[in-house]
Amino acid sequence: MSSNIFVLLYYKFVAIADPKFETIQHKLVCNGVGLKGRIIISEEGINGTVAGTSTQLRQYVEYMNEHPYFKAITFKRSTAGKLPFAKLIVKYRPEIVTLGKKVDMKKTGQYLTPKAMHQLFEKGEDMAVVDMRNNYEYEVGRFDGAIQPDTVKFYELPEKIKNLKIDKTKKVVTYCTGGIRCEKATALLAEEGFSDVYQLQGGIAKYLEQYPDGYFRGKNFVFDERMITNGDTESGQEVLGKCAHCQKSSDCYIDCAKPDCHQLFICCKDCDKKHSGLCPAALNGLSKKT
């Protein structure tokens, strides 16, 4: 059974009148189907990653397509050798992706399909490619020439984006794992005066479905027990990450062993053992819970 496990990544911005009721209802439905995963529901919509068999996921998609709020969602599907979640979590939160700042969602960037994105790389388009994920995600895999605003948490972006050394009239193409962070990030860029902003529709996940050996290099970080995907492709064989301690090539993530830190970081096996699973900040007594 484990070899037939699949993962769906999805989101939708939609005004929900009673998100706390929808949270309760959604948990009942997912438990009934037998799914595992993590789902956030708020007044602004839904953001989820769920895992199960093809039959279970088909039942879930059918339910979503009949739902007045959640129909017409674009699902990003990937495979998993085993269930990458230990349990099901369905929560209400004020935001489905936490930016900590209200932005005008009518000012999001223009969508670029994976094909359109690929063609821009093919013809050597003069553009700034900006990775809207966190720095530890960027380290292990990224698009050719992409820059990253040096965020550890997405809610740091409003401040970090002010430091981007990009001409505000230049074409800016953003991307993230599944697309959701770019929705808010491109609206934020518009507020900061950037005039020609685009976002990769469906994110890295959709791009890799069509171009597994395209212009995305290295591994794709995901927030489940798999940690990384794309390792079975030619481009995914590249090891871009470096151990946070010794800078040796590595794409192995660990969770800092210090109880009040738990920062994900790249660490080779030798340094994991040598430093007892501590990140550099924790090792130097600088870490704090964020």
C-alpha atoms as a PDB file:
ATOM      1  CA  MET A   1       0.000   0.000   0.000  1.00  0.00           C
ATOM      2  CA  SER A   2       2.809   2.444   0.868  1.00  0.00           C
ATOM      3  CA  SER A   3       4.062   2.532  -2.734  1.00  0.00           C
ATOM      4  CA  ASN A   4       0.648   3.852  -3.837  1.00  0.00           C
ATOM      5  CA  ILE A   5       0.620   6.919  -1.614  1.00  0.00           C
ATOM      6  CA  PHE A   6       0.242  10.334  -3.232  1.00  0.00           C
ATOM      7  CA  VAL A   7       0.305  13.916  -1.951  1.00  0.00           C
ATOM      8  CA  LEU A   8      -1.919  16.831  -2.959  1.00  0.00           C
ATOM      9  CA  LEU A   9      -0.744  20.406  -2.421  1.00  0.00           C
ATOM     10  CA  TYR A  10      -3.325  23.162  -2.926  1.00  0.00           C
ATOM     11  CA  TYR A  11      -4.734  26.509  -1.858  1.00  0.00           C
ATOM     12  CA  LYS A  12      -7.505  28.913  -2.722  1.00  0.00           C
ATOM     13  CA  PHE A  13      -8.116  32.497  -1.704  1.00  0.00           C
ATOM     14  CA  VAL A  14     -11.859  32.823  -1.180  1.00  0.00           C
ATOM     15  CA  ALA A  15     -13.954  34.751   1.350  1.00  0.00           C
ATOM     16  CA  ILE A  16     -15.326  32.274   3.917  1.00  0.00           C
ATOM     17  CA  ALA A  17     -18.172  33.484   6.113  1.00  0.00           C
ATOM     18  CA  ASP A  18     -17.698  31.014   8.983  1.00  0.00           C
ATOM     19  CA  PRO A  19     -14.195  29.507   8.745  1.00  0.00           C
ATOM     20  CA  LYS A  20     -14.323  27.929  12.216  1.00  0.00           C
ATOM     21  CA  PHE A  21     -17.395  25.926  11.201  1.00  0.00           C
ATOM     22  CA  GLU A  22     -15.705  24.956   7.931  1.00  0.00           C
ATOM     23  CA  THR A  23     -12.662  23.813   9.915  1.00  0.00           C
ATOM     24  CA  ILE A  24     -14.758  21.426  11.990  1.00  0.00           C
ATOM     25  CA  GLN A  25     -16.658  20.183   8.932  1.00  0.00           C
ATOM     26  CA  HIS A  26     -13.484  19.701   6.917  1.00  0.00           C
ATOM     27  CA  LYS A  27     -11.827  17.641   9.625  1.00  0.00           C
ATOM     28  CA  LEU A  28     -14.838  15.314   9.752  1.00  0.00           C
ATOM     29  CA  VAL A  29     -14.731  14.848   5.975  1.00  0.00           C
ATOM     30  CA  CYS A  30     -10.974  14.184   5.856  1.00  0.00           C
ATOM     31  CA  ASN A  31     -11.159  11.731   8.734  1.00  0.00           C
ATOM     32  CA  GLY A  32     -14.030   9.988   6.980  1.00  0.00           C
ATOM     33  CA  VAL A  33     -11.975   9.623   3.813  1.00  0.00           C
ATOM     34  CA  GLY A  34      -8.905   8.558   5.780  1.00  0.00           C
ATOM     35  CA  LEU A  35      -6.500  11.314   4.801  1.00  0.00           C
ATOM     36  CA  LYS A  36      -3.434  12.522   6.685  1.00  0.00           C
ATOM     37  CA  GLY A  37      -1.946  15.976   6.331  1.00  0.00           C
ATOM     38  CA  ARG A  38      -2.118  19.615   7.334  1.00  0.00           C
ATOM     39  CA  ILE A  39      -4.899  22.052   6.384  1.00  0.00           C
ATOM     40  CA  ILE A  40      -5.352  25.702   7.340  1.00  0.00           C
ATOM     41  CA  ILE A  41      -8.701  27.485   6.920  1.00  0.00           C
ATOM     42  CA  SER A  42      -9.382  31.161   7.534  1.00  0.00           C
ATOM     43  CA  GLU A  43     -11.623  34.003   6.423  1.00  0.00           C
ATOM     44  CA  GLU A  44      -9.348  34.389   3.394  1.00  0.00           C
ATOM     45  CA  GLY A  45      -9.472  30.778   2.160  1.00  0.00           C
ATOM     46  CA  ILE A  46      -7.844  27.357   2.480  1.00  0.00           C
ATOM     47  CA  ASN A  47      -4.272  26.050   2.278  1.00  0.00           C
ATOM     48  CA  GLY A  48      -3.548  22.351   2.511  1.00  0.00           C
ATOM     49  CA  THR A  49      -1.314  19.361   1.919  1.00  0.00           C
ATOM     50  CA  VAL A  50      -2.978  15.963   2.213  1.00  0.00           C
ATOM     51  CA  ALA A  51      -1.781  12.426   1.567  1.00  0.00           C
ATOM     52  CA  GLY A  52      -3.505   9.135   0.855  1.00  0.00           C
ATOM     53  CA  THR A  53      -4.192   6.516  -1.788  1.00  0.00           C
ATOM     54  CA  SER A  54      -5.466   7.385  -5.264  1.00  0.00           C
ATOM     55  CA  THR A  55      -8.973   6.331  -4.218  1.00  0.00           C
ATOM     56  CA  GLN A  56      -8.909   8.463  -1.079  1.00  0.00           C
ATOM     57  CA  LEU A  57      -7.608  11.501  -2.925  1.00  0.00           C
ATOM     58  CA  ARG A  58     -10.153  11.075  -5.706  1.00  0.00           C
ATOM     59  CA  GLN A  59     -12.946  11.051  -3.104  1.00  0.00           C
ATOM     60  CA  TYR A  60     -11.510  14.192  -1.525  1.00  0.00           C
ATOM     61  CA  VAL A  61     -11.186  16.042  -4.850  1.00  0.00           C
ATOM     62  CA  GLU A  62     -14.764  15.100  -5.722  1.00  0.00           C
ATOM     63  CA  TYR A  63     -15.924  16.548  -2.395  1.00  0.00           C
ATOM     64  CA  MET A  64     -13.920  19.737  -2.952  1.00  0.00           C
ATOM     65  CA  ASN A  65     -15.277  20.180  -6.489  1.00  0.00           C
ATOM     66  CA  GLU A  66     -18.817  20.113  -5.126  1.00  0.00           C
ATOM     67  CA  HIS A  67     -18.105  22.511  -2.280  1.00  0.00           C
ATOM     68  CA  PRO A  68     -19.383  26.104  -2.746  1.00  0.00           C
ATOM     69  CA  TYR A  69     -16.100  27.587  -1.458  1.00  0.00           C
ATOM     70  CA  PHE A  70     -13.512  25.070  -2.572  1.00  0.00           C
ATOM     71  CA  LYS A  71     -14.467  24.061  -6.115  1.00  0.00           C
ATOM     72  CA  ALA A  72     -12.156  24.790  -9.053  1.00  0.00           C
ATOM     73  CA  ILE A  73      -8.940  24.383  -7.046  1.00  0.00           C
ATOM     74  CA  THR A  74      -5.755  23.478  -8.911  1.00  0.00           C
ATOM     75  CA  PHE A  75      -4.201  20.494  -7.124  1.00  0.00           C
ATOM     76  CA  LYS A  76      -0.475  19.742  -7.366  1.00  0.00           C
ATOM     77  CA  ARG A  77       0.131  15.982  -7.116  1.00  0.00           C
ATOM     78  CA  SER A  78       3.328  14.148  -6.205  1.00  0.00           C
ATOM     79  CA  THR A  79       4.255  10.637  -5.117  1.00  0.00           C
ATOM     80  CA  ALA A  80       5.442   9.432  -1.708  1.00  0.00           C
ATOM     81  CA  GLY A  81       7.013   6.117  -0.758  1.00  0.00           C
ATOM     82  CA  LYS A  82       5.034   6.122   2.473  1.00  0.00           C
ATOM     83  CA  LEU A  83       2.581   8.369   4.284  1.00  0.00           C
ATOM     84  CA  PRO A  84       4.563  11.592   4.877  1.00  0.00           C
ATOM     85  CA  PHE A  85       2.266  12.722   7.702  1.00  0.00           C
ATOM     86  CA  ALA A  86       1.701  10.955  11.011  1.00  0.00           C
ATOM     87  CA  LYS A  87      -1.751  12.454  11.522  1.00  0.00           C
ATOM     88  CA  LEU A  88      -4.376  14.846  10.217  1.00  0.00           C
ATOM     89  CA  ILE A  89      -4.318  18.465  11.390  1.00  0.00           C
ATOM     90  CA  VAL A  90      -7.072  20.877  10.357  1.00  0.00           C
ATOM     91  CA  LYS A  91      -6.803  24.305  11.989  1.00  0.00           C
ATOM     92  CA  TYR A  92      -8.336  27.745  11.867  1.00  0.00           C
ATOM     93  CA  ARG A  93      -5.863  30.604  11.603  1.00  0.00           C
ATOM     94  CA  PRO A  94      -6.243  34.308  10.773  1.00  0.00           C
ATOM     95  CA  GLU A  95      -4.200  33.836   7.560  1.00  0.00           C
ATOM     96  CA  ILE A  96      -3.756  30.766   5.364  1.00  0.00           C
ATOM     97  CA  VAL A  97      -0.148  31.839   4.823  1.00  0.00           C
ATOM     98  CA  THR A  98       1.203  34.185   7.482  1.00  0.00           C
ATOM     99  CA  LEU A  99       2.572  37.443   6.125  1.00  0.00           C
ATOM    100  CA  GLY A 100       1.487  39.477   9.146  1.00  0.00           C
ATOM    101  CA  LYS A 101       0.514  42.402   6.953  1.00  0.00           C
ATOM    102  CA  LYS A 102      -2.603  43.068   4.912  1.00  0.00           C
ATOM    103  CA  VAL A 103      -2.017  43.473   1.187  1.00  0.00           C
ATOM    104  CA  ASP A 104      -4.358  44.239  -1.671  1.00  0.00           C
ATOM    105  CA  MET A 105      -4.986  40.829  -3.248  1.00  0.00           C
ATOM    106  CA  LYS A 106      -6.312  42.571  -6.363  1.00  0.00           C
ATOM    107  CA  LYS A 107      -2.754  43.677  -7.109  1.00  0.00           C
ATOM    108  CA  THR A 108      -1.088  40.274  -7.348  1.00  0.00           C
ATOM    109  CA  GLY A 109       1.385  39.576 -10.135  1.00  0.00           C
ATOM    110  CA  GLN A 110       0.419  38.227 -13.535  1.00  0.00           C
ATOM    111  CA  TYR A 111       0.429  34.437 -13.773  1.00  0.00           C
ATOM    112  CA  LEU A 112       3.082  32.654 -15.808  1.00  0.00           C
ATOM    113  CA  THR A 113       2.308  29.064 -16.748  1.00  0.00           C
ATOM    114  CA  PRO A 114       5.168  26.583 -16.331  1.00  0.00           C
ATOM    115  CA  LYS A 115       5.512  26.586 -20.137  1.00  0.00           C
ATOM    116  CA  ALA A 116       5.724  30.386 -20.268  1.00  0.00           C
ATOM    117  CA  MET A 117       8.288  30.380 -17.441  1.00  0.00           C
ATOM    118  CA  HIS A 118      10.343  27.739 -19.230  1.00  0.00           C
ATOM    119  CA  GLN A 119      10.258  29.742 -22.466  1.00  0.00           C
ATOM    120  CA  LEU A 120      11.564  32.845 -20.696  1.00  0.00           C
ATOM    121  CA  PHE A 121      14.586  30.852 -19.557  1.00  0.00           C
ATOM    122  CA  GLU A 122      14.980  29.320 -23.011  1.00  0.00           C
ATOM    123  CA  LYS A 123      15.264  32.698 -24.734  1.00  0.00           C
ATOM    124  CA  GLY A 124      17.438  34.231 -22.011  1.00  0.00           C
ATOM    125  CA  GLU A 125      14.904  36.848 -20.938  1.00  0.00           C
ATOM    126  CA  ASP A 126      16.287  39.845 -19.058  1.00  0.00           C
ATOM    127  CA  MET A 127      14.460  39.384 -15.756  1.00  0.00           C
ATOM    128  CA  ALA A 128      14.980  39.185 -12.015  1.00  0.00           C
ATOM    129  CA  VAL A 129      13.920  35.787 -10.668  1.00  0.00           C
ATOM    130  CA  VAL A 130      13.012  35.954  -6.977  1.00  0.00           C
ATOM    131  CA  ASP A 131      12.512  32.928  -4.736  1.00  0.00           C
ATOM    132  CA  MET A 132       9.764  33.741  -2.218  1.00  0.00           C
ATOM    133  CA  ARG A 133      10.466  30.720  -0.015  1.00  0.00           C
ATOM    134  CA  ASN A 134      12.637  30.779   3.084  1.00  0.00           C
ATOM    135  CA  ASN A 135      16.431  30.675   2.864  1.00  0.00           C
ATOM    136  CA  TYR A 136      16.768  27.058   4.029  1.00  0.00           C
ATOM    137  CA  GLU A 137      14.407  25.974   1.223  1.00  0.00           C
ATOM    138  CA  TYR A 138      16.350  27.987  -1.345  1.00  0.00           C
ATOM    139  CA  GLU A 139      19.695  26.504  -0.286  1.00  0.00           C
ATOM    140  CA  VAL A 140      18.875  22.989  -1.439  1.00  0.00           C
ATOM    141  CA  GLY A 141      17.220  23.827  -4.783  1.00  0.00           C
ATOM    142  CA  ARG A 142      16.326  26.859  -6.910  1.00  0.00           C
ATOM    143  CA  PHE A 143      15.820  28.196 -10.405  1.00  0.00           C
ATOM    144  CA  ASP A 144      18.880  29.282 -12.365  1.00  0.00           C
ATOM    145  CA  GLY A 145      19.995  32.756 -11.317  1.00  0.00           C
ATOM    146  CA  ALA A 146      17.309  33.182  -8.651  1.00  0.00           C
ATOM    147  CA  ILE A 147      17.838  35.450  -5.665  1.00  0.00           C
ATOM    148  CA  GLN A 148      16.233  35.104  -2.223  1.00  0.00           C
ATOM    149  CA  PRO A 149      15.373  37.942   0.201  1.00  0.00           C
ATOM    150  CA  ASP A 150      17.084  36.157   3.136  1.00  0.00           C
ATOM    151  CA  THR A 151      13.948  35.284   5.067  1.00  0.00           C
ATOM    152  CA  VAL A 152      13.791  32.520   7.662  1.00  0.00           C
ATOM    153  CA  LYS A 153      10.031  33.025   8.121  1.00  0.00           C
ATOM    154  CA  PHE A 154       7.603  34.330   5.490  1.00  0.00           C
ATOM    155  CA  TYR A 155       6.377  37.085   7.812  1.00  0.00           C
ATOM    156  CA  GLU A 156       9.847  38.667   7.595  1.00  0.00           C
ATOM    157  CA  LEU A 157       9.254  39.466   3.917  1.00  0.00           C
ATOM    158  CA  PRO A 158       7.674  42.952   4.299  1.00  0.00           C
ATOM    159  CA  GLU A 159      10.939  44.212   5.829  1.00  0.00           C
ATOM    160  CA  LYS A 160      13.359  42.109   3.803  1.00  0.00           C
ATOM    161  CA  ILE A 161      11.784  43.046   0.483  1.00  0.00           C
ATOM    162  CA  LYS A 162      12.862  46.649   1.024  1.00  0.00           C
ATOM    163  CA  ASN A 163      16.473  45.490   0.636  1.00  0.00           C
ATOM    164  CA  LEU A 164      16.035  43.900  -2.793  1.00  0.00           C
ATOM    165  CA  LYS A 165      18.611  45.403  -5.145  1.00  0.00           C
ATOM    166  CA  ILE A 166      16.351  45.319  -8.200  1.00  0.00           C
ATOM    167  CA  ASP A 167      15.335  48.155 -10.524  1.00  0.00           C
ATOM    168  CA  LYS A 168      11.616  48.610  -9.871  1.00  0.00           C
ATOM    169  CA  THR A 169      10.913  48.878 -13.611  1.00  0.00           C
ATOM    170  CA  LYS A 170      12.616  45.547 -14.369  1.00  0.00           C
ATOM    171  CA  LYS A 171      10.592  42.397 -15.080  1.00  0.00           C
ATOM    172  CA  VAL A 172      10.374  40.459 -11.804  1.00  0.00           C
ATOM    173  CA  VAL A 173       9.363  36.781 -11.851  1.00  0.00           C
ATOM    174  CA  THR A 174       8.566  35.186  -8.500  1.00  0.00           C
ATOM    175  CA  TYR A 175       8.097  31.565  -7.509  1.00  0.00           C
ATOM    176  CA  CYS A 176       7.525  29.395  -4.433  1.00  0.00           C
ATOM    177  CA  THR A 177       6.647  25.760  -3.748  1.00  0.00           C
ATOM    178  CA  GLY A 178       2.993  25.722  -4.778  1.00  0.00           C
ATOM    179  CA  GLY A 179       2.161  29.342  -5.576  1.00  0.00           C
ATOM    180  CA  ILE A 180       0.475  30.585  -2.416  1.00  0.00           C
ATOM    181  CA  ARG A 181       3.306  32.704  -1.033  1.00  0.00           C
ATOM    182  CA  CYS A 182       3.703  34.452  -4.392  1.00  0.00           C
ATOM    183  CA  GLU A 183       0.077  35.603  -4.248  1.00  0.00           C
ATOM    184  CA  LYS A 184       0.846  37.806  -1.259  1.00  0.00           C
ATOM    185  CA  ALA A 185       4.475  38.480  -2.159  1.00  0.00           C
ATOM    186  CA  THR A 186       3.635  39.928  -5.579  1.00  0.00           C
ATOM    187  CA  ALA A 187       0.938  42.139  -4.047  1.00  0.00           C
ATOM    188  CA  LEU A 188       3.593  43.334  -1.613  1.00  0.00           C
ATOM    189  CA  LEU A 189       6.002  44.034  -4.490  1.00  0.00           C
ATOM    190  CA  ALA A 190       3.296  46.122  -6.181  1.00  0.00           C
ATOM    191  CA  GLU A 191       2.886  48.130  -2.982  1.00  0.00           C
ATOM    192  CA  GLU A 192       6.650  48.710  -2.946  1.00  0.00           C
ATOM    193  CA  GLY A 193       6.500  50.207  -6.444  1.00  0.00           C
ATOM    194  CA  PHE A 194       7.574  47.294  -8.661  1.00  0.00           C
ATOM    195  CA  SER A 195       5.663  47.731 -11.920  1.00  0.00           C
ATOM    196  CA  ASP A 196       6.259  44.533 -13.953  1.00  0.00           C
ATOM    197  CA  VAL A 197       5.660  41.575 -11.637  1.00  0.00           C
ATOM    198  CA  TYR A 198       4.831  37.943 -12.469  1.00  0.00           C
ATOM    199  CA  GLN A 199       4.316  34.733 -10.506  1.00  0.00           C
ATOM    200  CA  LEU A 200       4.826  31.110 -11.512  1.00  0.00           C
ATOM    201  CA  GLN A 201       1.359  29.545 -11.567  1.00  0.00           C
ATOM    202  CA  GLY A 202       1.307  26.384  -9.458  1.00  0.00           C
ATOM    203  CA  GLY A 203       4.834  27.036  -8.240  1.00  0.00           C
ATOM    204  CA  ILE A 204       7.796  24.680  -8.417  1.00  0.00           C
ATOM    205  CA  ALA A 205       5.470  21.700  -7.988  1.00  0.00           C
ATOM    206  CA  LYS A 206       3.637  22.373 -11.268  1.00  0.00           C
ATOM    207  CA  TYR A 207       6.831  23.303 -13.118  1.00  0.00           C
ATOM    208  CA  LEU A 208       8.483  20.017 -12.145  1.00  0.00           C
ATOM    209  CA  GLU A 209       5.443  18.071 -13.374  1.00  0.00           C
ATOM    210  CA  GLN A 210       6.127  19.375 -16.884  1.00  0.00           C
ATOM    211  CA  TYR A 211       9.888  20.001 -16.794  1.00  0.00           C
ATOM    212  CA  PRO A 212      11.540  17.630 -14.297  1.00  0.00           C
ATOM    213  CA  ASP A 213      14.927  18.376 -15.893  1.00  0.00           C
ATOM    214  CA  GLY A 214      14.302  22.007 -16.760  1.00  0.00           C
ATOM    215  CA  TYR A 215      15.725  25.145 -15.184  1.00  0.00           C
ATOM    216  CA  PHE A 216      15.023  24.223 -11.568  1.00  0.00           C
ATOM    217  CA  ARG A 217      18.222  22.800 -10.137  1.00  0.00           C
ATOM    218  CA  GLY A 218      18.659  20.579  -7.095  1.00  0.00           C
ATOM    219  CA  LYS A 219      15.941  19.376  -4.721  1.00  0.00           C
ATOM    220  CA  ASN A 220      12.509  20.809  -3.950  1.00  0.00           C
ATOM    221  CA  PHE A 221      11.920  21.287  -0.226  1.00  0.00           C
ATOM    222  CA  VAL A 222       8.490  20.235   1.089  1.00  0.00           C
ATOM    223  CA  PHE A 223       6.928  20.600   4.537  1.00  0.00           C
ATOM    224  CA  ASP A 224       6.287  16.943   5.300  1.00  0.00           C
ATOM    225  CA  GLU A 225       8.336  13.933   6.337  1.00  0.00           C
ATOM    226  CA  ARG A 226       9.812  13.578   2.839  1.00  0.00           C
ATOM    227  CA  MET A 227      11.598  16.938   3.310  1.00  0.00           C
ATOM    228  CA  ILE A 228      12.791  16.966  -0.319  1.00  0.00           C
ATOM    229  CA  THR A 229      11.460  15.794  -3.686  1.00  0.00           C
ATOM    230  CA  ASN A 230      12.822  15.725  -7.247  1.00  0.00           C
ATOM    231  CA  GLY A 231      15.794  13.615  -6.201  1.00  0.00           C
ATOM    232  CA  ASP A 232      15.116  11.002  -8.889  1.00  0.00           C
ATOM    233  CA  THR A 233      15.634  13.408 -11.812  1.00  0.00           C
ATOM    234  CA  GLU A 234      18.835  14.474 -13.540  1.00  0.00           C
ATOM    235  CA  SER A 235      18.654  18.050 -12.246  1.00  0.00           C
ATOM    236  CA  GLY A 236      17.619  16.756  -8.821  1.00  0.00           C
ATOM    237  CA  GLN A 237      20.863  14.799  -8.556  1.00  0.00           C
ATOM    238  CA  GLU A 238      22.737  18.061  -8.123  1.00  0.00           C
ATOM    239  CA  VAL A 239      23.611  18.773  -4.503  1.00  0.00           C
ATOM    240  CA  LEU A 240      23.438  22.547  -4.105  1.00  0.00           C
ATOM    241  CA  GLY A 241      23.179  22.701  -0.330  1.00  0.00           C
ATOM    242  CA  LYS A 242      26.094  23.000   2.067  1.00  0.00           C
ATOM    243  CA  CYS A 243      26.422  21.868   5.654  1.00  0.00           C
ATOM    244  CA  ALA A 244      25.789  24.828   7.957  1.00  0.00           C
ATOM    245  CA  HIS A 245      28.808  23.842  10.071  1.00  0.00           C
ATOM    246  CA  CYS A 246      31.570  22.699   7.705  1.00  0.00           C
ATOM    247  CA  GLN A 247      30.235  23.840   4.293  1.00  0.00           C
ATOM    248  CA  LYS A 248      30.605  20.351   2.846  1.00  0.00           C
ATOM    249  CA  SER A 249      28.096  19.588   0.062  1.00  0.00           C
ATOM    250  CA  SER A 250      24.924  18.145   1.578  1.00  0.00           C
ATOM    251  CA  ASP A 251      21.153  18.204   1.141  1.00  0.00           C
ATOM    252  CA  CYS A 252      20.291  16.507   4.426  1.00  0.00           C
ATOM    253  CA  TYR A 253      17.988  18.561   6.656  1.00  0.00           C
ATOM    254  CA  ILE A 254      17.784  18.122  10.408  1.00  0.00           C
ATOM    255  CA  ASP A 255      15.757  19.860  13.111  1.00  0.00           C
ATOM    256  CA  CYS A 256      17.980  21.619  15.663  1.00  0.00           C
ATOM    257  CA  ALA A 257      18.067  19.503  18.813  1.00  0.00           C
ATOM    258  CA  LYS A 258      17.868  22.510  21.148  1.00  0.00           C
ATOM    259  CA  PRO A 259      14.301  22.554  22.577  1.00  0.00           C
ATOM    260  CA  ASP A 260      13.816  26.319  22.208  1.00  0.00           C
ATOM    261  CA  CYS A 261      15.241  26.443  18.675  1.00  0.00           C
ATOM    262  CA  HIS A 262      14.068  23.627  16.374  1.00  0.00           C
ATOM    263  CA  GLN A 263      15.410  25.476  13.327  1.00  0.00           C
ATOM    264  CA  LEU A 264      15.618  23.339  10.185  1.00  0.00           C
ATOM    265  CA  PHE A 265      19.086  23.437   8.698  1.00  0.00           C
ATOM    266  CA  ILE A 266      21.357  21.476   6.367  1.00  0.00           C
ATOM    267  CA  CYS A 267      23.847  19.303   8.188  1.00  0.00           C
ATOM    268  CA  CYS A 268      26.149  16.509   7.018  1.00  0.00           C
ATOM    269  CA  LYS A 269      26.217  13.261   8.991  1.00  0.00           C
ATOM    270  CA  ASP A 270      29.653  13.962  10.478  1.00  0.00           C
ATOM    271  CA  CYS A 271      28.629  17.364  11.858  1.00  0.00           C
ATOM    272  CA  ASP A 272      25.297  16.036  13.072  1.00  0.00           C
ATOM    273  CA  LYS A 273      27.208  13.579  15.239  1.00  0.00           C
ATOM    274  CA  LYS A 274      29.988  16.015  16.170  1.00  0.00           C
ATOM    275  CA  HIS A 275      27.644  18.805  17.288  1.00  0.00           C
ATOM    276  CA  SER A 276      24.848  16.624  18.722  1.00  0.00           C
ATOM    277  CA  GLY A 277      22.256  17.870  16.227  1.00  0.00           C
ATOM    278  CA  LEU A 278      22.643  21.549  17.150  1.00  0.00           C
ATOM    279  CA  CYS A 279      22.508  24.336  14.567  1.00  0.00           C
ATOM    280  CA  PRO A 280      25.396  26.880  14.557  1.00  0.00           C
ATOM    281  CA  ALA A 281      23.344  29.508  16.430  1.00  0.00           C
ATOM    282  CA  ALA A 282      22.297  27.049  19.140  1.00  0.00           C
ATOM    283  CA  LEU A 283      25.862  25.800  19.423  1.00  0.00           C
ATOM    284  CA  ASN A 284      26.958  29.369  20.146  1.00  0.00           C
ATOM    285  CA  GLY A 285      24.076  30.084  22.483  1.00  0.00           C
ATOM    286  CA  LEU A 286      22.465  32.598  20.107  1.00  0.00           C
ATOM    287  CA  SER A 287      19.236  30.851  19.140  1.00  0.00           C
ATOM    288  CA  LYS A 288      15.800  31.789  20.372  1.00  0.00           C
ATOM    289  CA  LYS A 289      12.369  30.431  19.635  1.00  0.00           C
ATOM    290  CA  THR A 290      10.608  32.324  16.805  1.00  0.00           C
END
